[in-house]
Amino acid sequence: DNVLITPHLAAFTQEAFEKSRAFAAYNATKVANGGEAESVVLPDD
């Protein structure tokens, strides 16, 4: 059997970068207006 393994590079596209930046700005605006950020990851206690 032949197997080809490659690294996951989808996060390094221009589109992914723009979406990430827009989501960060959205969350910052939401918090600045008294709301809560989305997709918050809390550390395990």
N, C-alpha and C. Protein backbone atom coordinates (compact mmCIF):
# COMPACT_ATOMS: atom_id res chain seq x y z
N ASP A 1 0.82 -1.18 0.00
CA ASP A 1 0.00 0.00 0.00
C ASP A 1 0.87 1.25 0.00
N ASN A 2 0.44 2.24 -0.74
CA ASN A 2 1.12 3.53 -0.77
C ASN A 2 0.36 4.54 0.08
N VAL A 3 1.09 5.28 0.89
CA VAL A 3 0.48 6.28 1.76
C VAL A 3 1.24 7.58 1.61
N LEU A 4 0.52 8.66 1.46
CA LEU A 4 1.12 9.99 1.39
C LEU A 4 0.55 10.81 2.55
N ILE A 5 1.42 11.29 3.41
CA ILE A 5 1.01 12.09 4.56
C ILE A 5 1.55 13.50 4.39
N THR A 6 0.66 14.48 4.51
CA THR A 6 1.07 15.88 4.36
C THR A 6 0.58 16.68 5.56
N PRO A 7 1.24 17.78 5.88
CA PRO A 7 0.77 18.61 7.00
C PRO A 7 -0.50 19.35 6.62
N HIS A 8 -1.28 19.69 7.62
CA HIS A 8 -2.51 20.45 7.40
C HIS A 8 -2.14 21.93 7.22
N LEU A 9 -2.37 22.46 6.04
CA LEU A 9 -1.96 23.84 5.75
C LEU A 9 -3.14 24.77 5.45
N ALA A 10 -4.37 24.32 5.66
CA ALA A 10 -5.53 25.14 5.32
C ALA A 10 -5.59 26.43 6.13
N ALA A 11 -5.03 26.43 7.32
CA ALA A 11 -5.08 27.62 8.17
C ALA A 11 -4.15 28.73 7.68
N PHE A 12 -3.32 28.44 6.71
CA PHE A 12 -2.35 29.42 6.24
C PHE A 12 -2.75 30.07 4.92
N THR A 13 -4.02 29.98 4.56
CA THR A 13 -4.48 30.63 3.34
C THR A 13 -4.85 32.09 3.64
N GLN A 14 -4.89 32.90 2.63
CA GLN A 14 -5.28 34.31 2.78
C GLN A 14 -6.71 34.40 3.29
N GLU A 15 -7.59 33.56 2.78
CA GLU A 15 -8.99 33.57 3.21
C GLU A 15 -9.11 33.23 4.70
N ALA A 16 -8.37 32.24 5.16
CA ALA A 16 -8.42 31.86 6.58
C ALA A 16 -7.89 32.99 7.45
N PHE A 17 -6.83 33.65 7.01
CA PHE A 17 -6.26 34.77 7.76
C PHE A 17 -7.28 35.90 7.88
N GLU A 18 -7.96 36.22 6.79
CA GLU A 18 -8.95 37.30 6.79
C GLU A 18 -10.13 36.97 7.69
N LYS A 19 -10.60 35.71 7.66
CA LYS A 19 -11.71 35.30 8.52
C LYS A 19 -11.30 35.36 9.99
N SER A 20 -10.09 34.94 10.29
CA SER A 20 -9.59 34.97 11.66
C SER A 20 -9.51 36.41 12.17
N ARG A 21 -8.99 37.29 11.35
CA ARG A 21 -8.87 38.70 11.72
C ARG A 21 -10.25 39.34 11.91
N ALA A 22 -11.19 39.02 11.05
CA ALA A 22 -12.54 39.57 11.17
C ALA A 22 -13.23 39.06 12.44
N PHE A 23 -13.02 37.79 12.77
CA PHE A 23 -13.63 37.22 13.98
C PHE A 23 -13.03 37.85 15.23
N ALA A 24 -11.72 38.09 15.22
CA ALA A 24 -11.07 38.75 16.36
C ALA A 24 -11.62 40.16 16.55
N ALA A 25 -11.80 40.89 15.46
CA ALA A 25 -12.35 42.24 15.53
C ALA A 25 -13.79 42.21 16.03
N TYR A 26 -14.55 41.25 15.57
CA TYR A 26 -15.94 41.08 16.01
C TYR A 26 -15.98 40.85 17.52
N ASN A 27 -15.15 39.93 18.01
CA ASN A 27 -15.12 39.64 19.44
C ASN A 27 -14.66 40.85 20.25
N ALA A 28 -13.67 41.56 19.78
CA ALA A 28 -13.19 42.75 20.50
C ALA A 28 -14.29 43.80 20.59
N THR A 29 -15.02 44.01 19.52
CA THR A 29 -16.12 44.98 19.52
C THR A 29 -17.23 44.54 20.46
N LYS A 30 -17.54 43.25 20.44
CA LYS A 30 -18.58 42.71 21.30
C LYS A 30 -18.23 42.92 22.78
N VAL A 31 -16.99 42.62 23.15
CA VAL A 31 -16.55 42.80 24.54
C VAL A 31 -16.50 44.28 24.91
N ALA A 32 -16.05 45.13 24.00
CA ALA A 32 -15.99 46.57 24.27
C ALA A 32 -17.37 47.16 24.51
N ASN A 33 -18.39 46.52 23.95
CA ASN A 33 -19.77 46.99 24.13
C ASN A 33 -20.48 46.28 25.28
N GLY A 34 -19.71 45.58 26.13
CA GLY A 34 -20.28 44.95 27.32
C GLY A 34 -20.74 43.52 27.14
N GLY A 35 -20.52 42.94 25.98
CA GLY A 35 -20.92 41.56 25.74
C GLY A 35 -19.83 40.57 26.10
N GLU A 36 -20.08 39.32 25.77
CA GLU A 36 -19.10 38.27 26.00
C GLU A 36 -18.55 37.77 24.67
N ALA A 37 -17.28 37.46 24.66
CA ALA A 37 -16.64 36.94 23.45
C ALA A 37 -17.15 35.54 23.14
N GLU A 38 -17.16 35.18 21.88
CA GLU A 38 -17.55 33.84 21.46
C GLU A 38 -16.32 32.95 21.36
N SER A 39 -16.53 31.67 21.47
CA SER A 39 -15.47 30.66 21.32
C SER A 39 -14.35 30.83 22.34
N VAL A 40 -14.71 31.12 23.57
CA VAL A 40 -13.72 31.28 24.64
C VAL A 40 -13.28 29.90 25.10
N VAL A 41 -11.98 29.71 25.22
CA VAL A 41 -11.43 28.45 25.72
C VAL A 41 -10.82 28.72 27.09
N LEU A 42 -11.36 28.07 28.10
CA LEU A 42 -10.87 28.25 29.47
C LEU A 42 -9.92 27.12 29.83
N PRO A 43 -8.88 27.42 30.59
CA PRO A 43 -7.95 26.36 31.00
C PRO A 43 -8.62 25.39 31.96
N ASP A 44 -8.18 24.15 31.92
CA ASP A 44 -8.68 23.15 32.86
C ASP A 44 -8.18 23.47 34.26
N ASP A 45 -9.02 23.31 35.24
CA ASP A 45 -8.60 23.53 36.63
C ASP A 45 -8.12 22.24 37.25
